């Protein structure tokens, strides 16, 4: 099964039906996790790559009509999602794209205004996925650092 034309319109530019950029990024990460868990789904395609230039049309791209990158671009490249939380234990799921095979990454947590590593460098499984348990409560922020790309996922706030 292919999930095509999957999308979340953003505000801006759609003030009435759009979600903030950060929420679009969170939804993109959560969608990647759900597809990973769905054995019959082979492909997830975001609708669009770039927003349409007319306000009121589709603004669900990874780039604005003016070519400004949205956080969802990095959420698609490095999806990170909260799987579960019990007390202070939180399970995170992530993926490092676009290459195939095991990928090095560093999970980071925001503390006192800085991003600090959680443990040492991790390596994903063969298909680029990982799951990590962390001790974190609501409001804690995490991100993935793709070492080969020197790129970061948008921050994920634990709920």
Foldseek 3Di string as FASTA:
>chain_A
DEAPQDFAAAPVVAPPRHHHLVVLLLVLLVVVVVLVVDVVYDYYYHPDQEADPDPPPGRGHCAYNVRHGGLNVLCNQKRKHWDDDDQQKTKMKIFHDDDFAKFKKFKWWDDPNDTDTDDDIDIAHRGGMDMDIDGHDFQIWMWMQRPVVRDIHPIDTHD
